[in-house]
N, C-alpha and C. Protein backbone atom coordinates (compact mmCIF):
# COMPACT_ATOMS: atom_id res chain seq x y z
N MET A 1 89.49 138.24 -2.21
CA MET A 1 90.79 137.92 -2.76
C MET A 1 90.72 137.96 -4.29
N LEU A 2 91.77 138.51 -4.89
CA LEU A 2 91.82 138.59 -6.34
C LEU A 2 92.03 137.21 -6.95
N ASP A 3 91.40 136.99 -8.08
CA ASP A 3 91.60 135.74 -8.80
C ASP A 3 92.96 135.80 -9.47
N ASP A 4 93.85 134.88 -9.11
CA ASP A 4 95.21 134.90 -9.66
C ASP A 4 95.43 133.82 -10.71
N LEU A 5 94.36 133.48 -11.44
CA LEU A 5 94.46 132.48 -12.50
C LEU A 5 95.52 132.88 -13.53
N HIS A 6 95.63 134.19 -13.80
CA HIS A 6 96.61 134.64 -14.79
C HIS A 6 98.04 134.32 -14.34
N ILE A 7 98.30 134.34 -13.03
CA ILE A 7 99.62 134.00 -12.52
C ILE A 7 99.88 132.51 -12.68
N HIS A 8 98.88 131.68 -12.42
CA HIS A 8 99.04 130.23 -12.63
C HIS A 8 99.30 129.93 -14.10
N ASP A 9 98.58 130.65 -14.99
CA ASP A 9 98.84 130.49 -16.43
C ASP A 9 100.26 130.91 -16.77
N PHE A 10 100.73 132.00 -16.15
CA PHE A 10 102.09 132.46 -16.40
C PHE A 10 103.11 131.38 -16.02
N TYR A 11 102.94 130.75 -14.86
CA TYR A 11 103.86 129.69 -14.44
C TYR A 11 103.82 128.52 -15.41
N ARG A 12 102.62 128.13 -15.84
CA ARG A 12 102.49 127.00 -16.76
C ARG A 12 103.13 127.35 -18.12
N HIS A 13 102.83 128.54 -18.62
CA HIS A 13 103.43 128.95 -19.90
C HIS A 13 104.95 129.03 -19.79
N THR A 14 105.43 129.63 -18.72
CA THR A 14 106.87 129.77 -18.51
C THR A 14 107.55 128.41 -18.49
N GLY A 15 107.00 127.47 -17.74
CA GLY A 15 107.58 126.12 -17.69
C GLY A 15 107.61 125.47 -19.05
N ARG A 16 106.53 125.57 -19.79
CA ARG A 16 106.46 124.94 -21.12
C ARG A 16 107.41 125.60 -22.11
N ILE A 17 107.52 126.92 -22.05
CA ILE A 17 108.44 127.64 -22.95
C ILE A 17 109.87 127.22 -22.68
N LEU A 18 110.27 127.25 -21.41
CA LEU A 18 111.64 126.88 -21.06
C LEU A 18 111.95 125.44 -21.47
N LEU A 19 111.03 124.53 -21.22
CA LEU A 19 111.26 123.13 -21.59
C LEU A 19 111.33 122.94 -23.10
N ALA A 20 110.47 123.63 -23.83
CA ALA A 20 110.48 123.51 -25.30
C ALA A 20 111.82 123.98 -25.85
N LEU A 21 112.34 125.06 -25.31
CA LEU A 21 113.63 125.57 -25.80
C LEU A 21 114.79 124.71 -25.30
N PHE A 22 114.66 124.15 -24.11
CA PHE A 22 115.68 123.23 -23.60
C PHE A 22 115.76 121.99 -24.49
N ASP A 23 114.61 121.49 -24.91
CA ASP A 23 114.57 120.29 -25.76
C ASP A 23 115.21 120.53 -27.12
N GLN A 24 115.26 121.77 -27.58
CA GLN A 24 115.84 122.10 -28.87
C GLN A 24 117.27 122.65 -28.76
N PHE A 25 117.71 122.94 -27.54
CA PHE A 25 118.98 123.63 -27.33
C PHE A 25 120.14 122.84 -27.94
N PRO A 26 121.05 123.50 -28.61
CA PRO A 26 121.27 124.93 -28.80
C PRO A 26 120.71 125.46 -30.13
N VAL A 27 119.90 124.67 -30.80
CA VAL A 27 119.39 125.06 -32.11
C VAL A 27 118.23 126.05 -31.96
N PRO A 28 118.36 127.24 -32.54
CA PRO A 28 117.24 128.18 -32.51
C PRO A 28 116.04 127.59 -33.24
N THR A 29 114.86 127.87 -32.73
CA THR A 29 113.65 127.28 -33.29
C THR A 29 112.55 128.32 -33.34
N THR A 30 111.54 128.07 -34.14
CA THR A 30 110.34 128.88 -34.13
C THR A 30 109.39 128.22 -33.15
N LEU A 31 109.00 128.96 -32.14
CA LEU A 31 108.10 128.43 -31.11
C LEU A 31 106.76 129.14 -31.21
N TYR A 32 105.72 128.38 -31.50
CA TYR A 32 104.38 128.94 -31.69
C TYR A 32 103.64 129.04 -30.36
N VAL A 33 102.90 130.13 -30.22
CA VAL A 33 102.11 130.34 -29.01
C VAL A 33 101.15 129.17 -28.81
N GLU A 34 100.52 128.70 -29.87
CA GLU A 34 99.56 127.60 -29.75
C GLU A 34 100.22 126.31 -29.28
N ASP A 35 101.51 126.13 -29.55
CA ASP A 35 102.21 124.94 -29.06
C ASP A 35 102.35 124.97 -27.55
N ILE A 36 102.34 126.15 -26.97
CA ILE A 36 102.48 126.32 -25.53
C ILE A 36 101.12 126.45 -24.86
N ALA A 37 100.27 127.31 -25.38
CA ALA A 37 99.00 127.65 -24.73
C ALA A 37 97.82 126.82 -25.21
N GLY A 38 98.00 126.11 -26.30
CA GLY A 38 96.89 125.35 -26.87
C GLY A 38 96.19 126.14 -27.96
N PRO A 39 95.26 125.50 -28.64
CA PRO A 39 94.57 126.14 -29.76
C PRO A 39 93.85 127.42 -29.34
N ASP A 40 93.80 128.35 -30.27
CA ASP A 40 93.14 129.62 -30.03
C ASP A 40 92.20 129.90 -31.19
N THR A 41 91.06 130.47 -30.88
CA THR A 41 90.12 130.88 -31.91
C THR A 41 89.93 132.38 -31.82
N PRO A 42 90.56 133.11 -32.73
CA PRO A 42 90.38 134.57 -32.71
C PRO A 42 88.91 134.93 -32.89
N ASP A 43 88.53 136.08 -32.34
CA ASP A 43 87.14 136.51 -32.43
C ASP A 43 86.82 137.04 -33.83
N ALA A 44 85.64 137.56 -34.01
CA ALA A 44 85.19 138.03 -35.32
C ALA A 44 86.08 139.14 -35.89
N PHE A 45 86.81 139.84 -35.01
CA PHE A 45 87.69 140.91 -35.45
C PHE A 45 89.14 140.44 -35.62
N GLY A 46 89.38 139.14 -35.42
CA GLY A 46 90.71 138.59 -35.56
C GLY A 46 91.58 138.74 -34.33
N LEU A 47 90.97 139.13 -33.21
CA LEU A 47 91.72 139.32 -31.97
C LEU A 47 91.85 137.99 -31.23
N HIS A 48 93.04 137.75 -30.71
CA HIS A 48 93.28 136.51 -29.96
C HIS A 48 92.66 136.58 -28.58
N SER A 49 92.49 135.41 -27.99
CA SER A 49 91.93 135.31 -26.64
C SER A 49 92.91 135.86 -25.62
N PRO A 50 92.43 136.26 -24.45
CA PRO A 50 93.33 136.70 -23.38
C PRO A 50 94.36 135.63 -23.00
N HIS A 51 93.98 134.35 -23.05
CA HIS A 51 94.91 133.26 -22.73
C HIS A 51 96.07 133.23 -23.72
N HIS A 52 95.77 133.35 -25.00
CA HIS A 52 96.79 133.37 -26.04
C HIS A 52 97.73 134.56 -25.83
N LEU A 53 97.15 135.73 -25.59
CA LEU A 53 97.95 136.94 -25.39
C LEU A 53 98.79 136.86 -24.12
N ALA A 54 98.27 136.17 -23.10
CA ALA A 54 99.05 135.99 -21.87
C ALA A 54 100.29 135.13 -22.14
N CYS A 55 100.15 134.12 -22.96
CA CYS A 55 101.29 133.28 -23.32
C CYS A 55 102.30 134.09 -24.11
N LEU A 56 101.83 134.87 -25.06
CA LEU A 56 102.72 135.75 -25.82
C LEU A 56 103.43 136.73 -24.88
N GLY A 57 102.71 137.23 -23.89
CA GLY A 57 103.31 138.12 -22.90
C GLY A 57 104.39 137.41 -22.10
N ALA A 58 104.16 136.15 -21.75
CA ALA A 58 105.18 135.38 -21.02
C ALA A 58 106.43 135.21 -21.87
N MET A 59 106.25 134.98 -23.16
CA MET A 59 107.40 134.84 -24.06
C MET A 59 108.23 136.12 -24.08
N THR A 60 107.57 137.25 -24.25
CA THR A 60 108.32 138.51 -24.33
C THR A 60 108.92 138.87 -22.97
N TRP A 61 108.24 138.56 -21.89
CA TRP A 61 108.78 138.82 -20.55
C TRP A 61 110.04 137.98 -20.31
N LEU A 62 110.02 136.71 -20.70
CA LEU A 62 111.18 135.84 -20.54
C LEU A 62 112.38 136.39 -21.30
N LYS A 63 112.14 136.97 -22.45
CA LYS A 63 113.24 137.59 -23.21
C LYS A 63 113.76 138.82 -22.47
N ARG A 64 112.86 139.73 -22.10
CA ARG A 64 113.28 140.95 -21.40
C ARG A 64 114.01 140.65 -20.11
N SER A 65 113.66 139.54 -19.47
CA SER A 65 114.26 139.18 -18.19
C SER A 65 115.54 138.36 -18.34
N GLY A 66 115.91 138.01 -19.56
CA GLY A 66 117.19 137.35 -19.80
C GLY A 66 117.19 135.84 -19.79
N TYR A 67 116.02 135.20 -19.74
CA TYR A 67 115.96 133.74 -19.72
C TYR A 67 116.11 133.15 -21.13
N ILE A 68 115.57 133.86 -22.11
CA ILE A 68 115.56 133.37 -23.49
C ILE A 68 115.93 134.53 -24.42
N ASP A 69 116.14 134.17 -25.68
CA ASP A 69 116.34 135.18 -26.71
C ASP A 69 115.59 134.71 -27.95
N PHE A 70 115.17 135.66 -28.76
CA PHE A 70 114.59 135.33 -30.06
C PHE A 70 114.81 136.51 -30.99
N ALA A 71 114.81 136.22 -32.30
CA ALA A 71 115.10 137.24 -33.30
C ALA A 71 113.96 138.24 -33.42
N GLN A 72 112.74 137.71 -33.49
CA GLN A 72 111.57 138.58 -33.63
C GLN A 72 110.30 137.79 -33.37
N LEU A 73 109.24 138.52 -33.12
CA LEU A 73 107.92 137.90 -33.04
C LEU A 73 107.36 137.83 -34.45
N LEU A 74 106.68 136.75 -34.73
CA LEU A 74 105.96 136.61 -35.99
C LEU A 74 104.50 136.96 -35.70
N GLY A 75 104.22 138.25 -35.78
CA GLY A 75 102.90 138.75 -35.40
C GLY A 75 102.64 138.41 -33.95
N GLN A 76 101.50 137.86 -33.67
CA GLN A 76 101.16 137.40 -32.33
C GLN A 76 101.09 135.88 -32.30
N GLU A 77 101.83 135.26 -33.24
CA GLU A 77 101.73 133.82 -33.43
C GLU A 77 102.92 133.03 -32.89
N ALA A 78 104.13 133.59 -32.95
CA ALA A 78 105.32 132.79 -32.65
C ALA A 78 106.54 133.67 -32.40
N MET A 79 107.57 133.03 -31.83
CA MET A 79 108.90 133.62 -31.70
C MET A 79 109.78 132.94 -32.74
N GLU A 80 110.50 133.74 -33.50
CA GLU A 80 111.39 133.18 -34.52
C GLU A 80 112.82 133.11 -33.98
N ASN A 81 113.51 132.02 -34.28
CA ASN A 81 114.88 131.79 -33.82
C ASN A 81 115.00 131.91 -32.30
N ALA A 82 114.09 131.28 -31.60
CA ALA A 82 114.08 131.31 -30.14
C ALA A 82 115.07 130.29 -29.58
N VAL A 83 115.77 130.68 -28.51
CA VAL A 83 116.76 129.83 -27.88
C VAL A 83 116.92 130.27 -26.43
N LEU A 84 117.30 129.34 -25.58
CA LEU A 84 117.62 129.70 -24.20
C LEU A 84 118.84 130.61 -24.19
N SER A 85 118.86 131.57 -23.29
CA SER A 85 120.06 132.37 -23.10
C SER A 85 121.10 131.50 -22.39
N HIS A 86 122.32 131.98 -22.35
CA HIS A 86 123.38 131.26 -21.63
C HIS A 86 122.95 131.01 -20.18
N ARG A 87 122.49 132.06 -19.51
CA ARG A 87 122.07 131.92 -18.11
C ARG A 87 120.83 131.03 -17.99
N GLY A 88 119.91 131.11 -18.95
CA GLY A 88 118.74 130.24 -18.92
C GLY A 88 119.12 128.77 -19.04
N PHE A 89 120.09 128.49 -19.91
CA PHE A 89 120.57 127.12 -20.06
C PHE A 89 121.24 126.63 -18.78
N LEU A 90 122.13 127.47 -18.22
CA LEU A 90 122.80 127.08 -16.98
C LEU A 90 121.81 126.85 -15.84
N LEU A 91 120.78 127.66 -15.80
CA LEU A 91 119.75 127.49 -14.77
C LEU A 91 119.09 126.12 -14.89
N LEU A 92 118.78 125.69 -16.10
CA LEU A 92 118.07 124.42 -16.29
C LEU A 92 118.96 123.20 -16.11
N ILE A 93 120.25 123.32 -16.35
CA ILE A 93 121.12 122.16 -16.14
C ILE A 93 121.65 122.08 -14.72
N ASN A 94 121.44 123.14 -13.95
CA ASN A 94 121.90 123.18 -12.56
C ASN A 94 121.21 122.09 -11.75
N THR A 95 121.94 121.46 -10.83
CA THR A 95 121.39 120.38 -10.01
C THR A 95 121.38 120.72 -8.52
N GLN A 96 121.54 121.99 -8.16
CA GLN A 96 121.59 122.36 -6.75
C GLN A 96 120.28 122.12 -6.02
N ALA A 97 119.15 122.27 -6.71
CA ALA A 97 117.85 122.17 -6.05
C ALA A 97 117.63 120.79 -5.43
N GLU A 98 117.91 119.76 -6.18
CA GLU A 98 117.69 118.38 -5.71
C GLU A 98 118.79 117.52 -6.33
N PRO A 99 119.74 117.06 -5.51
CA PRO A 99 120.86 116.28 -6.06
C PRO A 99 120.38 115.13 -6.95
N GLY A 100 121.08 114.97 -8.07
CA GLY A 100 120.75 113.89 -8.99
C GLY A 100 119.73 114.26 -10.04
N GLN A 101 119.05 115.39 -9.88
CA GLN A 101 118.06 115.83 -10.86
C GLN A 101 118.36 117.26 -11.25
N SER A 102 118.39 117.52 -12.54
CA SER A 102 118.59 118.88 -13.01
C SER A 102 117.30 119.67 -12.82
N ASN A 103 117.43 120.97 -12.84
CA ASN A 103 116.24 121.82 -12.77
C ASN A 103 115.31 121.54 -13.94
N ALA A 104 115.86 121.20 -15.11
CA ALA A 104 115.02 120.86 -16.26
C ALA A 104 114.18 119.60 -15.97
N GLN A 105 114.79 118.60 -15.34
CA GLN A 105 114.04 117.39 -14.99
C GLN A 105 112.94 117.70 -13.97
N LEU A 106 113.27 118.52 -12.98
CA LEU A 106 112.27 118.91 -11.99
C LEU A 106 111.14 119.70 -12.63
N LEU A 107 111.49 120.59 -13.54
CA LEU A 107 110.49 121.39 -14.24
C LEU A 107 109.60 120.51 -15.10
N ASN A 108 110.19 119.58 -15.80
CA ASN A 108 109.41 118.65 -16.62
C ASN A 108 108.42 117.87 -15.76
N SER A 109 108.87 117.40 -14.62
CA SER A 109 108.00 116.66 -13.71
C SER A 109 106.86 117.54 -13.20
N ALA A 110 107.17 118.79 -12.86
CA ALA A 110 106.15 119.70 -12.34
C ALA A 110 105.12 120.04 -13.41
N VAL A 111 105.56 120.27 -14.64
CA VAL A 111 104.63 120.58 -15.74
C VAL A 111 103.74 119.38 -16.02
N ARG A 112 104.32 118.19 -16.06
CA ARG A 112 103.55 116.97 -16.35
C ARG A 112 102.57 116.62 -15.22
N SER A 113 102.92 116.96 -13.99
CA SER A 113 102.04 116.63 -12.87
C SER A 113 100.72 117.38 -12.90
N GLY A 114 100.74 118.56 -13.53
CA GLY A 114 99.52 119.36 -13.56
C GLY A 114 99.24 120.09 -12.27
N SER A 115 100.12 119.96 -11.29
CA SER A 115 99.93 120.61 -10.00
C SER A 115 100.37 122.07 -10.08
N SER A 116 99.40 122.97 -9.97
CA SER A 116 99.71 124.41 -10.02
C SER A 116 100.62 124.80 -8.87
N ALA A 117 100.38 124.25 -7.69
CA ALA A 117 101.18 124.62 -6.51
C ALA A 117 102.63 124.16 -6.68
N LYS A 118 102.83 122.94 -7.17
CA LYS A 118 104.18 122.42 -7.37
C LYS A 118 104.92 123.23 -8.43
N LEU A 119 104.24 123.55 -9.52
CA LEU A 119 104.84 124.32 -10.59
C LEU A 119 105.17 125.74 -10.13
N GLN A 120 104.24 126.35 -9.41
CA GLN A 120 104.47 127.69 -8.90
C GLN A 120 105.70 127.74 -7.99
N ALA A 121 105.78 126.80 -7.07
CA ALA A 121 106.92 126.76 -6.14
C ALA A 121 108.24 126.60 -6.89
N LEU A 122 108.26 125.74 -7.89
CA LEU A 122 109.49 125.50 -8.64
C LEU A 122 109.87 126.71 -9.49
N ILE A 123 108.92 127.29 -10.21
CA ILE A 123 109.22 128.46 -11.04
C ILE A 123 109.73 129.60 -10.16
N GLU A 124 109.08 129.82 -9.01
CA GLU A 124 109.53 130.88 -8.11
C GLU A 124 110.94 130.60 -7.60
N HIS A 125 111.23 129.34 -7.29
CA HIS A 125 112.58 128.96 -6.86
C HIS A 125 113.59 129.24 -7.98
N LEU A 126 113.25 128.85 -9.21
CA LEU A 126 114.16 129.05 -10.33
C LEU A 126 114.39 130.54 -10.59
N MET A 127 113.35 131.33 -10.46
CA MET A 127 113.50 132.77 -10.68
C MET A 127 114.37 133.42 -9.60
N ARG A 128 114.21 132.98 -8.37
CA ARG A 128 115.08 133.49 -7.31
C ARG A 128 116.52 133.07 -7.55
N GLU A 129 116.72 131.83 -7.97
CA GLU A 129 118.05 131.32 -8.27
C GLU A 129 118.68 132.10 -9.43
N PHE A 130 117.89 132.38 -10.45
CA PHE A 130 118.35 133.13 -11.61
C PHE A 130 118.74 134.54 -11.20
N ALA A 131 117.91 135.18 -10.40
CA ALA A 131 118.19 136.56 -9.96
C ALA A 131 119.43 136.61 -9.07
N ALA A 132 119.58 135.62 -8.22
CA ALA A 132 120.71 135.60 -7.30
C ALA A 132 122.03 135.29 -8.01
N SER A 133 121.95 134.64 -9.18
CA SER A 133 123.18 134.24 -9.87
C SER A 133 123.94 135.41 -10.45
N GLY A 134 123.26 136.48 -10.78
CA GLY A 134 123.92 137.64 -11.35
C GLY A 134 124.62 137.32 -12.66
N GLY A 135 125.66 136.56 -12.62
CA GLY A 135 126.39 136.19 -13.83
C GLY A 135 126.20 134.72 -14.10
N SER A 136 127.16 133.94 -13.73
CA SER A 136 127.11 132.51 -13.94
C SER A 136 126.60 131.82 -12.70
N LEU A 137 125.80 130.81 -12.88
CA LEU A 137 125.29 130.03 -11.75
C LEU A 137 126.39 129.26 -11.05
N TYR A 138 127.55 129.16 -11.71
CA TYR A 138 128.65 128.39 -11.14
C TYR A 138 129.71 129.28 -10.49
N ASP A 139 129.43 130.58 -10.36
CA ASP A 139 130.37 131.50 -9.74
C ASP A 139 130.35 131.47 -8.23
N HIS A 140 129.31 130.87 -7.63
CA HIS A 140 129.24 130.86 -6.16
C HIS A 140 129.15 129.48 -5.59
């Protein structure tokens, strides 16, 4: 079986990115990769670790997929003027998953628990919900 550690890192990075932008919403912010992935020590050639680059990849994937927006990358260090997209915000305030708790609250709990399985299940649920929404999460 293939080692899917990179997928678990993707779920953890995704959860932390979404929560960081939710906590700042609607104010655009500069979000540093190290704030999400932890400290990085570039090698002798100045190249970042695969973990750092995976977090940067999650940031750019979230933008391409419509969850977030940002003005530009600051090298491989940060996203400038990063903010949740309209649909990303609606996804996190939605309470369909568990009455009385928003998806943001559930995501915060899953990230804090440290449980890869719990976080994976929630991120996958949110992504399916996001894909199924097409436009507004409140249209159906």
